[in-house]
Amino acid sequence: MSHLQKAIIISVIFLSTCSNAFAQDDENRQATGLPIEIKSGAAGTKMVVSGKILIDGVETLERKPVITITILVTGAPFARTTARDTGYYSVSGIPRQDLSMLVEVDGVEVSRQPLVPSPMGNLTIDMTVPVAITRSMMKPGVISAHTGFERNETNQKLFEEALTAVKANESGKAMKLLDQLLAAEPKDYEAWTELGTISFKSKANDNAEKAYLKAIELKKDYFVALLNLGKLYFSDKKFDNAILVLTNAVKVKADSADAHHFLGESYLQIKKGSLAVGELNEAIRLAPDEKADLHLRLAALYDAANLKQRAAEEYKLFLAKRPDHADKKKLEKYIEENQKQ
């Protein structure tokens, strides 16, 4: 009997003995991505982390890049492996606490994320890296501390006229001015970003993506392009891409509440609630009043995961900031019924 057959038989035996409560817990976990308390069964001390990492558009590259996966424990490298040509990887003997995963393509970091395993079972992490983003991250050069692109007098005038046109909702005029500027200075990453934003607002998302990627290729740490590209991918429901880009955005500007907010929302969409909670809480910490509504988002997550007391705490925090909210009585009733459970 093969190891796979044994695993299937063991899984069937385990599932057949689960109670209805366990089934409900699993439904909640699937819906929220949050860990659910397991009330019986022994937790293993080690696990296997595996999955598949693909470069979307790899056929356009001259050669297949080397994808390296490193598992970090308390921030230090614990285990490392290289993905196969098919993208599959597997690392065994991994502990279940204080974990994160680093992914590198040809030695360049493209993703770093915390891992939140369940008390039992193994962990599967899949990822798709767009080849255009890979190319931009692998672009050689030194990151500049300069905050703006230096233009000559003529190009600066064009840029300012374009911004004025944008404010006047004259997008056609603004695009013509930016095209003229970029014809004279194709390395102007700020102009590429503005062009991307005009296209994004006009719902020409393919053009917007190309413009943002060009800006990031020219300046890999340009926060505005990273944030806006992340928002674009989120709006297109390309959540894995959004996470990849927004993870880099928060590295560049860790104090951006918007970047943490959209990163958290992206994690929610792929059912990684535990990761989402950390990002949403960070957004609240950075902008407590502006992001007050995220308390409602967190409360709904906790309620779905049957963590009623934590949901009640989030509602209390929300009402402290929005005491005149239309649903105040409804929220107060929920708090009264659940805060002592």
C-alpha atoms as a PDB file:
ATOM      1  CA  MET A   1       0.000   0.000   0.000  1.00  0.00           C
ATOM      2  CA  SER A   2       1.437   3.405  -0.989  1.00  0.00           C
ATOM      3  CA  HIS A   3       1.876   6.344   1.382  1.00  0.00           C
ATOM      4  CA  LEU A   4      -0.822   8.207  -0.561  1.00  0.00           C
ATOM      5  CA  GLN A   5      -3.309   5.353  -0.130  1.00  0.00           C
ATOM      6  CA  LYS A   6      -2.553   5.206   3.597  1.00  0.00           C
ATOM      7  CA  ALA A   7      -3.050   8.976   3.893  1.00  0.00           C
ATOM      8  CA  ILE A   8      -6.404   8.761   2.132  1.00  0.00           C
ATOM      9  CA  ILE A   9      -7.577   5.936   4.420  1.00  0.00           C
ATOM     10  CA  ILE A  10      -6.457   7.812   7.538  1.00  0.00           C
ATOM     11  CA  SER A  11      -8.239  10.961   6.305  1.00  0.00           C
ATOM     12  CA  VAL A  12     -11.466   9.033   5.699  1.00  0.00           C
ATOM     13  CA  ILE A  13     -11.317   7.459   9.176  1.00  0.00           C
ATOM     14  CA  PHE A  14     -10.693  10.829  10.807  1.00  0.00           C
ATOM     15  CA  LEU A  15     -13.471  12.597   8.887  1.00  0.00           C
ATOM     16  CA  SER A  16     -15.982   9.854   9.642  1.00  0.00           C
ATOM     17  CA  THR A  17     -15.464  10.348  13.402  1.00  0.00           C
ATOM     18  CA  CYS A  18     -15.876  14.140  13.387  1.00  0.00           C
ATOM     19  CA  SER A  19     -18.957  15.545  15.112  1.00  0.00           C
ATOM     20  CA  ASN A  20     -21.437  18.039  13.679  1.00  0.00           C
ATOM     21  CA  ALA A  21     -19.723  20.716  15.759  1.00  0.00           C
ATOM     22  CA  PHE A  22     -16.463  19.986  13.955  1.00  0.00           C
ATOM     23  CA  ALA A  23     -18.276  20.261  10.634  1.00  0.00           C
ATOM     24  CA  GLN A  24     -19.625  23.656  11.651  1.00  0.00           C
ATOM     25  CA  ASP A  25     -16.133  24.743  12.765  1.00  0.00           C
ATOM     26  CA  ASP A  26     -14.767  23.756   9.380  1.00  0.00           C
ATOM     27  CA  GLU A  27     -17.466  25.761   7.597  1.00  0.00           C
ATOM     28  CA  ASN A  28     -16.585  28.799   9.714  1.00  0.00           C
ATOM     29  CA  ARG A  29     -12.888  28.335   8.993  1.00  0.00           C
ATOM     30  CA  GLN A  30     -13.589  28.118   5.261  1.00  0.00           C
ATOM     31  CA  ALA A  31     -15.687  31.270   5.407  1.00  0.00           C
ATOM     32  CA  THR A  32     -13.367  33.417   7.509  1.00  0.00           C
ATOM     33  CA  GLY A  33      -9.898  31.919   7.319  1.00  0.00           C
ATOM     34  CA  LEU A  34      -9.684  32.346  11.083  1.00  0.00           C
ATOM     35  CA  PRO A  35      -8.490  29.524  13.333  1.00  0.00           C
ATOM     36  CA  ILE A  36     -11.243  27.719  15.195  1.00  0.00           C
ATOM     37  CA  GLU A  37     -10.621  26.139  18.570  1.00  0.00           C
ATOM     38  CA  ILE A  38     -10.288  22.376  18.271  1.00  0.00           C
ATOM     39  CA  LYS A  39     -11.675  20.745  21.397  1.00  0.00           C
ATOM     40  CA  SER A  40     -10.350  17.251  20.912  1.00  0.00           C
ATOM     41  CA  GLY A  41      -7.522  15.480  19.122  1.00  0.00           C
ATOM     42  CA  ALA A  42      -3.799  15.757  19.650  1.00  0.00           C
ATOM     43  CA  ALA A  43      -1.847  18.413  17.771  1.00  0.00           C
ATOM     44  CA  GLY A  44       1.339  17.346  16.056  1.00  0.00           C
ATOM     45  CA  THR A  45       4.471  19.314  16.860  1.00  0.00           C
ATOM     46  CA  LYS A  46       5.792  19.277  13.280  1.00  0.00           C
ATOM     47  CA  MET A  47       4.224  19.677   9.860  1.00  0.00           C
ATOM     48  CA  VAL A  48       4.908  19.817   6.136  1.00  0.00           C
ATOM     49  CA  VAL A  49       4.695  23.114   4.256  1.00  0.00           C
ATOM     50  CA  SER A  50       4.128  22.563   0.543  1.00  0.00           C
ATOM     51  CA  GLY A  51       2.481  24.077  -2.494  1.00  0.00           C
ATOM     52  CA  LYS A  52       3.078  25.407  -5.967  1.00  0.00           C
ATOM     53  CA  ILE A  53       4.707  28.666  -7.047  1.00  0.00           C
ATOM     54  CA  LEU A  54       4.197  29.684 -10.650  1.00  0.00           C
ATOM     55  CA  ILE A  55       5.627  32.492 -12.746  1.00  0.00           C
ATOM     56  CA  ASP A  56       2.717  33.669 -14.885  1.00  0.00           C
ATOM     57  CA  GLY A  57       4.213  34.262 -18.328  1.00  0.00           C
ATOM     58  CA  VAL A  58       7.405  32.291 -17.708  1.00  0.00           C
ATOM     59  CA  GLU A  59       7.418  31.240 -21.356  1.00  0.00           C
ATOM     60  CA  THR A  60       8.401  34.807 -22.288  1.00  0.00           C
ATOM     61  CA  LEU A  61      11.657  34.543 -20.329  1.00  0.00           C
ATOM     62  CA  GLU A  62      14.902  33.344 -21.874  1.00  0.00           C
ATOM     63  CA  ARG A  63      15.275  30.722 -19.157  1.00  0.00           C
ATOM     64  CA  LYS A  64      13.272  29.401 -16.238  1.00  0.00           C
ATOM     65  CA  PRO A  65      14.170  31.314 -13.077  1.00  0.00           C
ATOM     66  CA  VAL A  66      15.241  29.576  -9.866  1.00  0.00           C
ATOM     67  CA  ILE A  67      12.539  29.809  -7.211  1.00  0.00           C
ATOM     68  CA  THR A  68      13.781  29.421  -3.638  1.00  0.00           C
ATOM     69  CA  ILE A  69      11.509  28.964  -0.623  1.00  0.00           C
ATOM     70  CA  THR A  70      12.824  29.655   2.868  1.00  0.00           C
ATOM     71  CA  ILE A  71      10.843  28.924   6.037  1.00  0.00           C
ATOM     72  CA  LEU A  72      11.751  31.328   8.859  1.00  0.00           C
ATOM     73  CA  VAL A  73      11.202  30.607  12.547  1.00  0.00           C
ATOM     74  CA  THR A  74      11.171  33.710  14.775  1.00  0.00           C
ATOM     75  CA  GLY A  75      12.660  35.555  11.819  1.00  0.00           C
ATOM     76  CA  ALA A  76      15.655  33.248  11.331  1.00  0.00           C
ATOM     77  CA  PRO A  77      16.064  30.794   8.410  1.00  0.00           C
ATOM     78  CA  PHE A  78      14.998  27.297   9.482  1.00  0.00           C
ATOM     79  CA  ALA A  79      14.645  25.333   6.227  1.00  0.00           C
ATOM     80  CA  ARG A  80      15.184  26.085   2.556  1.00  0.00           C
ATOM     81  CA  THR A  81      14.248  24.335  -0.676  1.00  0.00           C
ATOM     82  CA  THR A  82      14.110  25.011  -4.404  1.00  0.00           C
ATOM     83  CA  ALA A  83      10.884  24.616  -6.363  1.00  0.00           C
ATOM     84  CA  ARG A  84      10.852  22.032  -9.133  1.00  0.00           C
ATOM     85  CA  ASP A  85      10.457  23.016 -12.768  1.00  0.00           C
ATOM     86  CA  THR A  86       6.710  22.517 -12.334  1.00  0.00           C
ATOM     87  CA  GLY A  87       6.684  24.964  -9.405  1.00  0.00           C
ATOM     88  CA  TYR A  88       5.999  22.387  -6.694  1.00  0.00           C
ATOM     89  CA  TYR A  89       7.905  22.524  -3.414  1.00  0.00           C
ATOM     90  CA  SER A  90       7.759  20.720  -0.073  1.00  0.00           C
ATOM     91  CA  VAL A  91       9.519  21.306   3.247  1.00  0.00           C
ATOM     92  CA  SER A  92       9.061  18.892   6.158  1.00  0.00           C
ATOM     93  CA  GLY A  93       9.778  18.993   9.874  1.00  0.00           C
ATOM     94  CA  ILE A  94       8.472  22.540  10.312  1.00  0.00           C
ATOM     95  CA  PRO A  95       7.313  23.684  13.787  1.00  0.00           C
ATOM     96  CA  ARG A  96       3.898  25.332  14.180  1.00  0.00           C
ATOM     97  CA  GLN A  97       4.722  28.664  15.776  1.00  0.00           C
ATOM     98  CA  ASP A  98       6.393  31.986  14.865  1.00  0.00           C
ATOM     99  CA  LEU A  99       6.616  31.123  11.176  1.00  0.00           C
ATOM    100  CA  SER A 100       6.995  33.100   7.982  1.00  0.00           C
ATOM    101  CA  MET A 101       7.862  32.190   4.402  1.00  0.00           C
ATOM    102  CA  LEU A 102      10.297  33.954   2.106  1.00  0.00           C
ATOM    103  CA  VAL A 103      10.097  33.417  -1.668  1.00  0.00           C
ATOM    104  CA  GLU A 104      12.956  34.478  -3.925  1.00  0.00           C
ATOM    105  CA  VAL A 105      13.201  34.417  -7.718  1.00  0.00           C
ATOM    106  CA  ASP A 106      16.812  34.255  -8.922  1.00  0.00           C
ATOM    107  CA  GLY A 107      17.905  35.534  -5.520  1.00  0.00           C
ATOM    108  CA  VAL A 108      15.512  38.502  -5.475  1.00  0.00           C
ATOM    109  CA  GLU A 109      12.796  38.577  -2.805  1.00  0.00           C
ATOM    110  CA  VAL A 110       9.289  38.652  -4.276  1.00  0.00           C
ATOM    111  CA  SER A 111       7.223  37.722  -1.235  1.00  0.00           C
ATOM    112  CA  ARG A 112       7.511  37.461   2.536  1.00  0.00           C
ATOM    113  CA  GLN A 113       4.456  36.486   4.548  1.00  0.00           C
ATOM    114  CA  PRO A 114       3.641  35.127   8.004  1.00  0.00           C
ATOM    115  CA  LEU A 115       2.302  31.578   8.205  1.00  0.00           C
ATOM    116  CA  VAL A 116      -0.574  30.678  10.495  1.00  0.00           C
ATOM    117  CA  PRO A 117      -0.961  26.883  10.610  1.00  0.00           C
ATOM    118  CA  SER A 118      -3.801  25.041  12.276  1.00  0.00           C
ATOM    119  CA  PRO A 119      -3.039  22.907  15.345  1.00  0.00           C
ATOM    120  CA  MET A 120      -3.271  19.739  13.226  1.00  0.00           C
ATOM    121  CA  GLY A 121      -2.482  18.837   9.650  1.00  0.00           C
ATOM    122  CA  ASN A 122      -0.077  20.289   7.114  1.00  0.00           C
ATOM    123  CA  LEU A 123      -0.004  23.676   5.427  1.00  0.00           C
ATOM    124  CA  THR A 124      -0.412  24.416   1.710  1.00  0.00           C
ATOM    125  CA  ILE A 125       0.725  27.757   0.320  1.00  0.00           C
ATOM    126  CA  ASP A 126       0.265  28.395  -3.425  1.00  0.00           C
ATOM    127  CA  MET A 127       1.379  31.541  -5.201  1.00  0.00           C
ATOM    128  CA  THR A 128       1.410  33.034  -8.693  1.00  0.00           C
ATOM    129  CA  VAL A 129       3.964  35.720  -9.510  1.00  0.00           C
ATOM    130  CA  PRO A 130       3.258  37.785 -12.660  1.00  0.00           C
ATOM    131  CA  VAL A 131       6.307  37.794 -14.898  1.00  0.00           C
ATOM    132  CA  ALA A 132       6.055  41.557 -15.368  1.00  0.00           C
ATOM    133  CA  ILE A 133       6.370  42.104 -11.609  1.00  0.00           C
ATOM    134  CA  THR A 134       9.228  39.632 -11.448  1.00  0.00           C
ATOM    135  CA  ARG A 135      11.080  41.529 -14.149  1.00  0.00           C
ATOM    136  CA  SER A 136      10.568  44.864 -12.434  1.00  0.00           C
ATOM    137  CA  MET A 137      11.816  43.542  -9.094  1.00  0.00           C
ATOM    138  CA  MET A 138      14.835  41.981 -10.752  1.00  0.00           C
ATOM    139  CA  LYS A 139      15.722  45.216 -12.527  1.00  0.00           C
ATOM    140  CA  PRO A 140      19.296  46.145 -11.524  1.00  0.00           C
ATOM    141  CA  GLY A 141      20.020  49.456  -9.901  1.00  0.00           C
ATOM    142  CA  VAL A 142      20.271  51.289  -6.608  1.00  0.00           C
ATOM    143  CA  ILE A 143      17.161  52.485  -4.793  1.00  0.00           C
ATOM    144  CA  SER A 144      17.284  56.253  -4.594  1.00  0.00           C
ATOM    145  CA  ALA A 145      16.296  58.246  -1.532  1.00  0.00           C
ATOM    146  CA  HIS A 146      15.170  61.079  -3.815  1.00  0.00           C
ATOM    147  CA  THR A 147      11.434  61.654  -3.441  1.00  0.00           C
ATOM    148  CA  GLY A 148      10.644  63.050  -6.884  1.00  0.00           C
ATOM    149  CA  PHE A 149      11.722  62.747 -10.486  1.00  0.00           C
ATOM    150  CA  GLU A 150      13.976  65.579 -11.650  1.00  0.00           C
ATOM    151  CA  ARG A 151      12.738  67.231 -14.835  1.00  0.00           C
ATOM    152  CA  ASN A 152      13.946  70.043 -17.013  1.00  0.00           C
ATOM    153  CA  GLU A 153      11.891  73.225 -17.130  1.00  0.00           C
ATOM    154  CA  THR A 154       9.894  72.221 -20.212  1.00  0.00           C
ATOM    155  CA  ASN A 155       8.948  68.784 -18.882  1.00  0.00           C
ATOM    156  CA  GLN A 156       8.101  70.169 -15.457  1.00  0.00           C
ATOM    157  CA  LYS A 157       5.680  72.585 -17.085  1.00  0.00           C
ATOM    158  CA  LEU A 158       4.061  69.713 -18.998  1.00  0.00           C
ATOM    159  CA  PHE A 159       3.738  67.688 -15.796  1.00  0.00           C
ATOM    160  CA  GLU A 160       2.112  70.551 -13.886  1.00  0.00           C
ATOM    161  CA  GLU A 161      -0.279  71.247 -16.765  1.00  0.00           C
ATOM    162  CA  ALA A 162      -1.235  67.551 -16.781  1.00  0.00           C
ATOM    163  CA  LEU A 163      -1.979  67.628 -13.047  1.00  0.00           C
ATOM    164  CA  THR A 164      -4.090  70.748 -13.512  1.00  0.00           C
ATOM    165  CA  ALA A 165      -6.036  68.977 -16.256  1.00  0.00           C
ATOM    166  CA  VAL A 166      -6.577  65.972 -13.988  1.00  0.00           C
ATOM    167  CA  LYS A 167      -8.023  68.212 -11.258  1.00  0.00           C
ATOM    168  CA  ALA A 168     -10.332  69.767 -13.852  1.00  0.00           C
ATOM    169  CA  ASN A 169     -11.509  66.285 -14.929  1.00  0.00           C
ATOM    170  CA  GLU A 170      -9.994  66.812 -18.363  1.00  0.00           C
ATOM    171  CA  SER A 171      -8.530  63.319 -18.608  1.00  0.00           C
ATOM    172  CA  GLY A 172      -8.068  63.399 -22.384  1.00  0.00           C
ATOM    173  CA  LYS A 173      -6.004  66.559 -22.199  1.00  0.00           C
ATOM    174  CA  ALA A 174      -4.000  65.207 -19.261  1.00  0.00           C
ATOM    175  CA  MET A 175      -3.154  62.008 -21.133  1.00  0.00           C
ATOM    176  CA  LYS A 176      -1.958  63.947 -24.190  1.00  0.00           C
ATOM    177  CA  LEU A 177       0.307  66.098 -22.013  1.00  0.00           C
ATOM    178  CA  LEU A 178       1.724  63.041 -20.239  1.00  0.00           C
ATOM    179  CA  ASP A 179       2.277  61.247 -23.530  1.00  0.00           C
ATOM    180  CA  GLN A 180       4.174  64.294 -24.770  1.00  0.00           C
ATOM    181  CA  LEU A 181       6.251  64.366 -21.608  1.00  0.00           C
ATOM    182  CA  LEU A 182       7.043  60.651 -21.734  1.00  0.00           C
ATOM    183  CA  ALA A 183       8.059  60.877 -25.376  1.00  0.00           C
ATOM    184  CA  ALA A 184      10.716  63.361 -24.272  1.00  0.00           C
ATOM    185  CA  GLU A 185      11.581  61.613 -20.978  1.00  0.00           C
ATOM    186  CA  PRO A 186      10.518  57.942 -20.918  1.00  0.00           C
ATOM    187  CA  LYS A 187      12.087  57.337 -17.468  1.00  0.00           C
ATOM    188  CA  ASP A 188       9.702  59.651 -15.623  1.00  0.00           C
ATOM    189  CA  TYR A 189       8.108  57.145 -13.228  1.00  0.00           C
ATOM    190  CA  GLU A 190       5.810  59.782 -11.719  1.00  0.00           C
ATOM    191  CA  ALA A 191       4.378  60.550 -15.153  1.00  0.00           C
ATOM    192  CA  TRP A 192       3.859  56.829 -15.819  1.00  0.00           C
ATOM    193  CA  THR A 193       2.041  56.564 -12.506  1.00  0.00           C
ATOM    194  CA  GLU A 194      -0.240  59.513 -13.295  1.00  0.00           C
ATOM    195  CA  LEU A 195      -0.961  57.985 -16.691  1.00  0.00           C
ATOM    196  CA  GLY A 196      -1.839  54.721 -14.959  1.00  0.00           C
ATOM    197  CA  THR A 197      -4.195  56.454 -12.545  1.00  0.00           C
ATOM    198  CA  ILE A 198      -6.029  58.273 -15.345  1.00  0.00           C
ATOM    199  CA  SER A 199      -6.472  54.951 -17.146  1.00  0.00           C
ATOM    200  CA  PHE A 200      -7.595  53.247 -13.926  1.00  0.00           C
ATOM    201  CA  LYS A 201     -10.249  55.901 -13.293  1.00  0.00           C
ATOM    202  CA  SER A 202     -11.359  55.541 -16.905  1.00  0.00           C
ATOM    203  CA  LYS A 203     -11.680  51.761 -16.350  1.00  0.00           C
ATOM    204  CA  ALA A 204      -8.971  51.038 -18.908  1.00  0.00           C
ATOM    205  CA  ASN A 205      -7.365  48.636 -16.461  1.00  0.00           C
ATOM    206  CA  ASP A 206      -5.041  46.895 -18.906  1.00  0.00           C
ATOM    207  CA  ASN A 207      -3.469  50.224 -19.843  1.00  0.00           C
ATOM    208  CA  ALA A 208      -3.326  51.234 -16.191  1.00  0.00           C
ATOM    209  CA  GLU A 209      -1.524  48.011 -15.256  1.00  0.00           C
ATOM    210  CA  LYS A 210       1.089  48.528 -17.973  1.00  0.00           C
ATOM    211  CA  ALA A 211       1.716  52.110 -16.860  1.00  0.00           C
ATOM    212  CA  TYR A 212       2.039  51.180 -13.169  1.00  0.00           C
ATOM    213  CA  LEU A 213       4.362  48.287 -13.963  1.00  0.00           C
ATOM    214  CA  LYS A 214       6.518  50.608 -16.058  1.00  0.00           C
ATOM    215  CA  ALA A 215       6.733  53.035 -13.128  1.00  0.00           C
ATOM    216  CA  ILE A 216       7.740  50.210 -10.765  1.00  0.00           C
ATOM    217  CA  GLU A 217      10.289  48.944 -13.286  1.00  0.00           C
ATOM    218  CA  LEU A 218      11.881  52.403 -13.265  1.00  0.00           C
ATOM    219  CA  LYS A 219      11.658  52.832  -9.482  1.00  0.00           C
ATOM    220  CA  LYS A 220      10.905  49.626  -7.636  1.00  0.00           C
ATOM    221  CA  ASP A 221      10.204  51.376  -4.318  1.00  0.00           C
ATOM    222  CA  TYR A 222       7.797  53.994  -5.709  1.00  0.00           C
ATOM    223  CA  PHE A 223       4.998  53.660  -3.200  1.00  0.00           C
ATOM    224  CA  VAL A 224       2.203  55.396  -5.129  1.00  0.00           C
ATOM    225  CA  ALA A 225       2.576  53.036  -8.094  1.00  0.00           C
ATOM    226  CA  LEU A 226       2.726  49.991  -5.799  1.00  0.00           C
ATOM    227  CA  LEU A 227      -0.369  51.010  -3.836  1.00  0.00           C
ATOM    228  CA  ASN A 228      -2.399  51.904  -6.917  1.00  0.00           C
ATOM    229  CA  LEU A 229      -1.405  48.712  -8.728  1.00  0.00           C
ATOM    230  CA  GLY A 230      -2.470  46.757  -5.644  1.00  0.00           C
ATOM    231  CA  LYS A 231      -5.842  48.516  -5.702  1.00  0.00           C
ATOM    232  CA  LEU A 232      -6.184  47.775  -9.404  1.00  0.00           C
ATOM    233  CA  TYR A 233      -5.518  44.065  -8.898  1.00  0.00           C
ATOM    234  CA  PHE A 234      -7.978  44.046  -6.007  1.00  0.00           C
ATOM    235  CA  SER A 235     -10.681  45.645  -8.177  1.00  0.00           C
ATOM    236  CA  ASP A 236      -9.968  43.039 -10.883  1.00  0.00           C
ATOM    237  CA  LYS A 237     -10.267  40.269  -8.253  1.00  0.00           C
ATOM    238  CA  LYS A 238      -6.653  39.233  -8.862  1.00  0.00           C
ATOM    239  CA  PHE A 239      -6.118  38.863  -5.139  1.00  0.00           C
ATOM    240  CA  ASP A 240      -2.847  36.911  -5.234  1.00  0.00           C
ATOM    241  CA  ASN A 241      -1.338  39.652  -7.402  1.00  0.00           C
ATOM    242  CA  ALA A 242      -2.728  42.306  -5.064  1.00  0.00           C
ATOM    243  CA  ILE A 243      -1.128  40.622  -2.062  1.00  0.00           C
ATOM    244  CA  LEU A 244       2.229  40.392  -3.814  1.00  0.00           C
ATOM    245  CA  VAL A 245       2.253  44.085  -4.738  1.00  0.00           C
ATOM    246  CA  LEU A 246       0.748  45.407  -1.496  1.00  0.00           C
ATOM    247  CA  THR A 247       3.206  43.372   0.582  1.00  0.00           C
ATOM    248  CA  ASN A 248       5.954  45.357  -1.117  1.00  0.00           C
ATOM    249  CA  ALA A 249       3.990  48.579  -0.649  1.00  0.00           C
ATOM    250  CA  VAL A 250       3.894  48.143   3.146  1.00  0.00           C
ATOM    251  CA  LYS A 251       7.620  47.410   3.146  1.00  0.00           C
ATOM    252  CA  VAL A 252       8.248  50.721   1.411  1.00  0.00           C
ATOM    253  CA  LYS A 253       5.804  52.689   3.553  1.00  0.00           C
ATOM    254  CA  ALA A 254       4.948  50.798   6.713  1.00  0.00           C
ATOM    255  CA  ASP A 255       2.882  53.707   8.053  1.00  0.00           C
ATOM    256  CA  SER A 256       0.330  53.621   5.232  1.00  0.00           C
ATOM    257  CA  ALA A 257      -3.078  52.700   6.634  1.00  0.00           C
ATOM    258  CA  ASP A 258      -4.457  52.293   3.114  1.00  0.00           C
ATOM    259  CA  ALA A 259      -1.783  49.777   2.115  1.00  0.00           C
ATOM    260  CA  HIS A 260      -2.414  47.666   5.223  1.00  0.00           C
ATOM    261  CA  HIS A 261      -6.183  47.980   4.701  1.00  0.00           C
ATOM    262  CA  PHE A 262      -6.137  46.739   1.099  1.00  0.00           C
ATOM    263  CA  LEU A 263      -3.632  44.023   1.966  1.00  0.00           C
ATOM    264  CA  GLY A 264      -5.950  42.825   4.718  1.00  0.00           C
ATOM    265  CA  GLU A 265      -8.974  42.876   2.420  1.00  0.00           C
ATOM    266  CA  SER A 266      -7.013  40.892  -0.175  1.00  0.00           C
ATOM    267  CA  TYR A 267      -6.159  38.237   2.407  1.00  0.00           C
ATOM    268  CA  LEU A 268      -9.844  38.013   3.321  1.00  0.00           C
ATOM    269  CA  GLN A 269     -10.774  37.306  -0.275  1.00  0.00           C
ATOM    270  CA  ILE A 270      -8.542  34.228  -0.376  1.00  0.00           C
ATOM    271  CA  LYS A 271      -9.812  33.003   3.009  1.00  0.00           C
ATOM    272  CA  LYS A 272      -6.675  33.875   4.997  1.00  0.00           C
ATOM    273  CA  GLY A 273      -8.500  35.524   7.866  1.00  0.00           C
ATOM    274  CA  SER A 274      -5.680  35.257  10.398  1.00  0.00           C
ATOM    275  CA  LEU A 275      -3.358  37.240   8.119  1.00  0.00           C
ATOM    276  CA  ALA A 276      -6.137  39.696   7.321  1.00  0.00           C
ATOM    277  CA  VAL A 277      -6.789  40.441  11.001  1.00  0.00           C
ATOM    278  CA  GLY A 278      -3.197  41.577  11.564  1.00  0.00           C
ATOM    279  CA  GLU A 279      -3.264  43.925   8.559  1.00  0.00           C
ATOM    280  CA  LEU A 280      -6.682  45.391   9.387  1.00  0.00           C
ATOM    281  CA  ASN A 281      -5.653  46.007  12.989  1.00  0.00           C
ATOM    282  CA  GLU A 282      -2.500  47.753  11.786  1.00  0.00           C
ATOM    283  CA  ALA A 283      -4.614  49.975   9.518  1.00  0.00           C
ATOM    284  CA  ILE A 284      -6.767  50.884  12.532  1.00  0.00           C
ATOM    285  CA  ARG A 285      -3.688  51.608  14.655  1.00  0.00           C
ATOM    286  CA  LEU A 286      -2.269  53.934  12.010  1.00  0.00           C
ATOM    287  CA  ALA A 287      -5.561  55.745  11.295  1.00  0.00           C
ATOM    288  CA  PRO A 288      -7.904  55.025  14.224  1.00  0.00           C
ATOM    289  CA  ASP A 289     -10.674  57.418  13.213  1.00  0.00           C
ATOM    290  CA  GLU A 290     -10.438  57.154   9.433  1.00  0.00           C
ATOM    291  CA  LYS A 291     -10.452  53.344   9.589  1.00  0.00           C
ATOM    292  CA  ALA A 292     -13.035  53.022  12.369  1.00  0.00           C
ATOM    293  CA  ASP A 293     -15.372  51.026  10.122  1.00  0.00           C
ATOM    294  CA  LEU A 294     -12.812  48.227  10.058  1.00  0.00           C
ATOM    295  CA  HIS A 295     -13.920  47.373  13.599  1.00  0.00           C
ATOM    296  CA  LEU A 296     -17.208  46.279  12.013  1.00  0.00           C
ATOM    297  CA  ARG A 297     -15.291  44.199   9.471  1.00  0.00           C
ATOM    298  CA  LEU A 298     -13.349  42.464  12.231  1.00  0.00           C
ATOM    299  CA  ALA A 299     -16.456  41.962  14.337  1.00  0.00           C
ATOM    300  CA  ALA A 300     -18.219  40.233  11.448  1.00  0.00           C
ATOM    301  CA  LEU A 301     -15.204  37.958  10.985  1.00  0.00           C
ATOM    302  CA  TYR A 302     -15.087  37.006  14.649  1.00  0.00           C
ATOM    303  CA  ASP A 303     -18.834  36.447  14.750  1.00  0.00           C
ATOM    304  CA  ALA A 304     -18.646  34.093  11.747  1.00  0.00           C
ATOM    305  CA  ALA A 305     -15.825  32.213  13.472  1.00  0.00           C
ATOM    306  CA  ASN A 306     -17.992  31.890  16.610  1.00  0.00           C
ATOM    307  CA  LEU A 307     -15.648  34.149  18.582  1.00  0.00           C
ATOM    308  CA  LYS A 308     -18.529  36.174  19.988  1.00  0.00           C
ATOM    309  CA  GLN A 309     -16.688  37.903  22.808  1.00  0.00           C
ATOM    310  CA  ARG A 310     -14.009  39.227  20.474  1.00  0.00           C
ATOM    311  CA  ALA A 311     -16.727  40.427  18.096  1.00  0.00           C
ATOM    312  CA  ALA A 312     -18.377  42.253  20.995  1.00  0.00           C
ATOM    313  CA  GLU A 313     -15.071  43.927  21.832  1.00  0.00           C
ATOM    314  CA  GLU A 314     -14.749  45.193  18.259  1.00  0.00           C
ATOM    315  CA  TYR A 315     -18.292  46.578  18.360  1.00  0.00           C
ATOM    316  CA  LYS A 316     -17.479  48.404  21.609  1.00  0.00           C
ATOM    317  CA  LEU A 317     -14.382  49.945  20.049  1.00  0.00           C
ATOM    318  CA  PHE A 318     -16.420  51.008  17.024  1.00  0.00           C
ATOM    319  CA  LEU A 319     -19.173  52.658  19.098  1.00  0.00           C
ATOM    320  CA  ALA A 320     -16.554  54.543  21.114  1.00  0.00           C
ATOM    321  CA  LYS A 321     -15.548  56.212  17.842  1.00  0.00           C
ATOM    322  CA  ARG A 322     -19.010  56.378  16.244  1.00  0.00           C
ATOM    323  CA  PRO A 323     -21.406  56.874  19.204  1.00  0.00           C
ATOM    324  CA  ASP A 324     -24.212  58.140  16.960  1.00  0.00           C
ATOM    325  CA  HIS A 325     -24.168  55.241  14.505  1.00  0.00           C
ATOM    326  CA  ALA A 326     -27.563  54.248  13.095  1.00  0.00           C
ATOM    327  CA  ASP A 327     -27.207  50.649  14.360  1.00  0.00           C
ATOM    328  CA  LYS A 328     -26.101  51.642  17.861  1.00  0.00           C
ATOM    329  CA  LYS A 329     -28.945  49.867  19.694  1.00  0.00           C
ATOM    330  CA  LYS A 330     -28.478  46.698  17.673  1.00  0.00           C
ATOM    331  CA  LEU A 331     -24.745  46.660  18.374  1.00  0.00           C
ATOM    332  CA  GLU A 332     -25.252  47.401  22.066  1.00  0.00           C
ATOM    333  CA  LYS A 333     -27.638  44.450  22.312  1.00  0.00           C
ATOM    334  CA  TYR A 334     -25.014  42.169  20.711  1.00  0.00           C
ATOM    335  CA  ILE A 335     -22.373  43.450  23.142  1.00  0.00           C
ATOM    336  CA  GLU A 336     -24.629  42.849  26.144  1.00  0.00           C
ATOM    337  CA  GLU A 337     -25.409  39.305  25.030  1.00  0.00           C
ATOM    338  CA  ASN A 338     -21.865  38.252  24.185  1.00  0.00           C
ATOM    339  CA  GLN A 339     -19.244  40.245  26.074  1.00  0.00           C
ATOM    340  CA  LYS A 340     -19.196  37.827  29.048  1.00  0.00           C
ATOM    341  CA  GLN A 341     -19.133  34.563  27.079  1.00  0.00           C
END
